[in-house]
């Protein structure tokens, strides 16, 4: 990546499953790699929690993803 991106609680993008949408870091793997990354990045974990809280009403029942 040519420019450095600061981590943000607001997602930069959700269109590349190989990158964290909050800091754009390359993930070790899709899915599990994102969860591992959240364990290591408090800002990204906070952003994901805020995103999840915002969409929970849009998804019927508990979302497992």
Protein backbone atom coordinates (compact mmCIF):
# COMPACT_ATOMS: atom_id res chain seq x y z
CA UNK A 1 0.00 0.00 0.00
CA UNK A 2 1.50 3.32 -0.99
CA UNK A 3 0.10 5.37 1.89
CA UNK A 4 -0.22 4.59 5.56
CA UNK A 5 -3.77 4.36 6.91
CA UNK A 6 -4.55 5.03 10.54
CA UNK A 7 -6.82 2.53 12.30
CA UNK A 8 -10.35 3.85 12.67
CA UNK A 9 -13.52 2.78 14.46
CA UNK A 10 -15.27 3.68 11.20
CA UNK A 11 -14.73 1.14 8.44
CA UNK A 12 -12.74 2.40 5.46
CA UNK A 13 -14.07 -0.36 3.22
CA UNK A 14 -15.81 -3.75 3.43
CA UNK A 15 -15.05 -4.92 -0.09
CA UNK A 16 -11.83 -6.91 0.43
CA UNK A 17 -12.05 -9.93 2.77
CA UNK A 18 -8.24 -10.18 2.87
CA UNK A 19 -7.91 -6.78 4.59
CA UNK A 20 -9.24 -5.38 7.86
CA UNK A 21 -11.90 -2.80 7.00
CA UNK A 22 -10.83 -0.60 9.94
CA UNK A 23 -7.06 -0.35 9.39
CA UNK A 24 -6.67 -2.02 5.97
CA UNK A 25 -4.02 -4.41 7.32
CA UNK A 26 -3.46 -7.58 5.32
CA UNK A 27 -5.09 -10.50 7.17
CA UNK A 28 -3.51 -13.93 7.60
CA UNK A 29 -6.72 -15.49 6.27
CA UNK A 30 -10.31 -14.57 5.57
CA UNK A 31 -12.75 -15.09 8.44
CA UNK A 32 -10.57 -16.56 11.19
CA UNK A 33 -7.76 -14.15 10.32
CA UNK A 34 -10.10 -11.22 10.90
CA UNK A 35 -11.11 -12.56 14.33
CA UNK A 36 -7.45 -13.09 15.24
CA UNK A 37 -6.69 -9.54 14.10
CA UNK A 38 -9.48 -8.15 16.30
CA UNK A 39 -7.88 -9.87 19.31
CA UNK A 40 -4.66 -7.96 18.56
CA UNK A 41 -6.12 -4.56 17.66
CA UNK A 42 -8.30 -2.79 20.24
CA UNK A 43 -9.29 -0.02 17.81
CA UNK A 44 -10.42 -2.48 15.15
CA UNK A 45 -12.21 -4.56 17.80
CA UNK A 46 -14.05 -1.43 19.01
CA UNK A 47 -14.99 -0.51 15.44
CA UNK A 48 -16.32 -4.00 14.75
CA UNK A 49 -18.36 -3.91 17.96
CA UNK A 50 -19.85 -0.55 16.99
CA UNK A 51 -20.62 -1.82 13.47
CA UNK A 52 -22.21 -5.00 14.86
CA UNK A 53 -24.36 -2.98 17.29
CA UNK A 54 -25.52 -0.78 14.40
CA UNK A 55 -26.63 -3.71 12.21
CA UNK A 56 -27.99 -6.10 14.85
CA UNK A 57 -31.52 -4.69 14.45
CA UNK A 58 -31.31 -5.20 10.68
CA UNK A 59 -30.65 -8.93 11.04
CA UNK A 60 -33.33 -11.20 12.45
CA UNK A 61 -32.26 -13.07 15.58
CA UNK A 62 -28.65 -13.38 16.58
CA UNK A 63 -26.17 -13.06 13.73
CA UNK A 64 -23.52 -15.75 13.91
CA UNK A 65 -21.05 -13.98 11.61
